[in-house]
Protein backbone atom coordinates (compact mmCIF):
# COMPACT_ATOMS: atom_id res chain seq x y z
CA ARG A 1 0.00 0.00 0.00
CA VAL A 2 1.14 3.56 -0.68
CA ARG A 3 1.59 5.77 2.37
CA ILE A 4 0.84 9.46 2.05
CA ASP A 5 1.26 10.37 5.72
CA SER A 6 4.89 11.45 5.73
CA GLN A 7 5.92 15.10 6.13
CA PRO A 8 8.78 15.86 3.70
CA ALA A 9 11.57 18.22 4.74
CA SER A 10 11.35 20.51 1.70
CA MET A 11 8.78 21.51 -0.92
CA GLN A 12 10.96 20.06 -3.69
CA HIS A 13 11.07 16.74 -1.89
CA ALA A 14 7.29 16.95 -1.37
CA GLU A 15 6.65 17.51 -5.08
CA LYS A 16 8.89 14.58 -5.99
CA LEU A 17 7.14 12.38 -3.41
CA ASN A 18 3.69 13.42 -4.69
CA GLN A 19 4.75 12.68 -8.27
CA GLU A 20 6.04 9.22 -7.28
CA ILE A 21 2.84 8.45 -5.38
CA PHE A 22 0.73 9.65 -8.29
CA GLU A 23 2.66 7.54 -10.80
CA THR A 24 2.21 4.50 -8.56
CA LEU A 25 -1.52 5.17 -8.29
CA MET A 26 -1.87 5.66 -12.06
CA LYS A 27 -0.44 2.17 -12.55
CA SER A 28 -2.46 0.59 -9.77
CA PRO A 29 -5.19 2.69 -8.13
CA LYS A 30 -5.87 -0.12 -5.65
CA SER A 31 -2.48 0.48 -4.01
CA LEU A 32 -4.21 3.23 -2.04
CA GLY A 33 -7.01 1.91 0.15
CA ALA A 34 -10.63 2.55 -0.79
CA GLN A 35 -11.14 4.42 2.49
CA HIS A 36 -8.64 7.11 1.37
CA TYR A 37 -10.47 7.66 -1.91
CA ALA A 38 -13.80 7.61 -0.05
CA LYS A 39 -12.57 10.30 2.35
CA MET A 40 -11.54 12.58 -0.52
CA LEU A 41 -14.77 11.97 -2.45
CA ARG A 42 -16.86 12.57 0.68
CA GLU A 43 -15.05 15.85 1.28
CA TYR A 44 -15.68 16.90 -2.33
CA LEU A 45 -19.40 16.10 -2.12
CA LEU A 46 -19.84 17.93 1.19
CA THR A 47 -17.88 21.03 0.16
CA HIS A 48 -18.79 21.37 -3.53
CA GLN A 49 -22.03 19.46 -4.13
CA LEU A 50 -24.03 19.80 -0.89
CA ASP A 51 -26.84 21.86 -2.48
CA ARG A 52 -27.28 19.28 -5.24
CA VAL A 53 -27.20 16.41 -2.76
CA GLU A 54 -29.97 18.17 -0.82
CA GLU A 55 -32.01 18.55 -4.04
CA LEU A 56 -31.74 14.81 -4.63
CA LEU A 57 -32.81 14.10 -1.06
CA LEU A 58 -35.93 16.23 -1.51
CA LEU A 59 -37.16 14.24 -4.52
CA GLU A 60 -40.18 12.24 -3.36
CA SER A 61 -39.63 8.92 -5.14
CA LYS A 62 -37.07 6.50 -3.77
CA ASP A 63 -37.07 4.16 -6.78
CA HIS A 64 -36.37 6.43 -9.76
CA ASP A 65 -32.92 6.61 -11.29
CA VAL A 66 -31.34 9.93 -10.37
CA GLY A 67 -27.97 11.42 -11.12
CA LEU A 68 -25.67 13.94 -9.58
CA GLU A 69 -24.03 15.90 -12.37
CA VAL A 70 -20.43 16.79 -11.61
CA ASP A 71 -18.50 19.23 -13.77
CA PHE A 72 -15.05 17.75 -14.35
CA ARG A 73 -13.48 21.22 -14.19
CA ASP A 74 -14.91 21.72 -10.68
CA PHE A 75 -13.72 18.28 -9.62
CA GLU A 76 -10.28 18.96 -11.10
CA ALA A 77 -10.04 22.29 -9.23
CA PHE A 78 -10.79 20.41 -6.00
CA ASP A 79 -8.04 17.80 -6.53
CA PRO A 80 -6.31 17.47 -9.93
CA TYR A 81 -4.67 14.15 -9.02
CA LEU A 82 -7.93 12.59 -7.91
CA ALA A 83 -9.70 13.90 -11.03
CA LEU A 84 -7.13 12.34 -13.35
CA LEU A 85 -7.23 9.06 -11.44
CA MET A 86 -11.03 9.08 -11.67
CA VAL A 87 -11.13 9.34 -15.45
CA SER A 88 -8.21 6.97 -15.91
CA HIS A 89 -9.64 4.17 -13.75
CA VAL A 90 -13.39 4.42 -14.32
CA PRO A 91 -14.44 0.86 -13.36
CA VAL A 92 -12.65 1.00 -10.01
CA LEU A 93 -13.37 4.54 -8.85
CA MET A 94 -16.80 5.41 -10.28
CA GLN A 95 -18.53 2.66 -8.32
CA LEU A 96 -16.82 3.94 -5.18
CA PHE A 97 -17.96 7.50 -6.03
CA ASN A 98 -21.57 6.25 -6.36
CA ASP A 99 -21.32 4.39 -3.04
CA VAL A 100 -19.89 7.46 -1.28
CA LEU A 101 -22.71 9.57 -2.75
CA ARG A 102 -25.31 7.21 -1.23
CA GLU A 103 -23.46 7.33 2.09
CA VAL A 104 -23.34 11.15 2.04
CA MET A 105 -27.04 11.28 1.15
CA GLY A 106 -27.77 9.07 4.16
CA SER A 107 -25.82 11.22 6.60
CA VAL A 108 -27.04 14.57 5.21
CA GLY A 109 -30.68 13.39 4.96
CA LYS A 110 -30.90 12.58 8.66
CA HIS A 111 -28.74 15.47 9.90
CA SER A 112 -30.53 17.89 12.23
CA ALA A 113 -29.58 20.91 10.07
CA PHE A 114 -31.28 19.32 7.03
CA ILE A 115 -34.40 18.42 9.03
CA GLU A 116 -34.56 21.93 10.51
CA LYS A 117 -34.11 23.54 7.09
CA TYR A 118 -36.68 21.42 5.21
CA GLY A 119 -38.92 20.12 8.00
CA LYS A 120 -38.42 16.46 7.10
CA ARG A 121 -35.79 13.80 6.59
CA GLY A 122 -34.29 13.34 3.16
CA ILE A 123 -35.12 10.29 1.06
CA VAL A 124 -31.98 8.38 0.09
CA LYS A 125 -32.29 7.11 -3.47
CA GLU A 126 -31.54 3.47 -4.24
CA LYS A 127 -30.50 4.14 -7.83
CA VAL A 128 -28.18 7.13 -7.81
CA GLN A 129 -25.16 7.74 -10.01
CA VAL A 130 -22.53 10.41 -10.36
CA ARG A 131 -22.42 11.72 -13.92
CA ILE A 132 -19.26 13.56 -14.91
CA PHE A 133 -19.46 16.04 -17.78
CA CYS A 134 -17.14 18.59 -19.44
CA LEU A 135 -14.19 16.24 -19.78
CA PRO A 136 -10.99 17.88 -21.07
CA SER A 137 -11.52 18.42 -24.81
CA ASP A 138 -7.79 18.57 -25.54
CA ASN A 139 -7.29 14.92 -24.59
CA HIS A 140 -7.92 12.57 -27.54
CA HIS A 141 -8.62 9.68 -25.15
CA PHE A 142 -11.83 11.36 -23.95
CA SER A 143 -13.09 13.17 -27.05
CA LYS A 144 -14.35 11.55 -30.23
CA LYS A 145 -15.40 13.46 -33.32
CA THR A 146 -17.98 10.87 -34.36
CA ILE A 147 -19.56 7.78 -32.88
CA GLY A 148 -17.84 5.82 -35.64
CA ASN A 149 -14.50 6.54 -33.96
CA LEU A 150 -15.58 4.67 -30.83
CA LYS A 151 -13.82 1.32 -30.33
CA ALA A 152 -15.11 -1.74 -28.50
CA SER A 153 -12.11 -1.56 -26.16
CA GLU A 154 -13.35 1.80 -24.83
CA THR A 155 -16.42 0.44 -23.04
CA GLN A 156 -14.92 0.96 -19.56
CA HIS A 157 -13.72 4.52 -20.23
CA PHE A 158 -15.24 7.99 -20.32
CA VAL A 159 -15.96 9.18 -23.83
CA GLN A 160 -17.25 12.58 -24.87
CA PHE A 161 -19.04 13.56 -28.08
CA VAL A 162 -19.99 17.03 -29.20
CA GLY A 163 -22.78 17.50 -31.69
CA THR A 164 -26.48 17.51 -32.36
CA VAL A 165 -28.69 14.45 -32.22
CA VAL A 166 -30.49 14.32 -35.56
CA LYS A 167 -32.12 10.92 -35.36
CA THR A 168 -32.94 8.52 -32.57
CA GLY A 169 -34.34 5.04 -32.56
CA PRO A 170 -35.52 2.49 -30.06
CA VAL A 171 -33.03 1.31 -27.47
CA SER A 172 -31.57 -2.06 -28.41
CA MET A 173 -29.67 -4.37 -26.12
CA LEU A 174 -26.01 -4.93 -26.84
CA GLU A 175 -25.06 -8.47 -25.93
CA SER A 176 -21.47 -9.00 -24.90
CA SER A 177 -21.86 -12.73 -24.24
CA LYS A 178 -24.46 -15.48 -24.24
CA THR A 179 -24.65 -18.71 -22.33
CA TYR A 180 -26.68 -21.61 -23.66
CA ARG A 181 -27.80 -24.51 -21.53
CA CYS A 182 -29.17 -27.78 -22.89
C-alpha cells in the first residue's frame, strides 16, 4: 500500500514524493485503500455538491434513477490528481464514487440541520449515479469526433461527443456474451 502520511523536509522533496505516489496510483489505483479515496470523495461532495445532494434528497420517489451531475473542471479544481485518477480508472473509482454519494445522502438526509431547514428527513435514493461532464476536450482519449471513432475496447472509459442528435431510434440491447444450456 502507498503511504501518504509522511511530512517531507522541503517543498521540492514533497513535489517529488507526490509525483512518485501519483505515478504509482496511475499504474495501480488499488495500491491506495478505498477508504482514502472515499474520504476525498466525501469531502468533495460535502464542500462542492451539498446543495445538489440536498435537491436529490428532496425528490419524493425513492425508486427512480437519479444522477448527480459533476462538472469535471470543478472536480479537477478540488483535486487534480484525484480527477485524473477518476477518469483513468473508471471501473474501479466510479462505483466507489456512487457508493460514497449514497453514504453522504444518508448522513445529510438525517442530519438535524437538514431536518430543521426542510422540515423532514431526506429520502436516500436506491438508484443514484454520479455523472461527470465537461471532460478535457484537448485529450484525444476522452473526445471523439464521431460515434464511428468509438472502439469496442473503450467500453470501460469515459468518452465525450460534441454535436447535435439528428435521429434517434428504439433502445436495443447490446449483448457482450451469451450462455446456452441444454
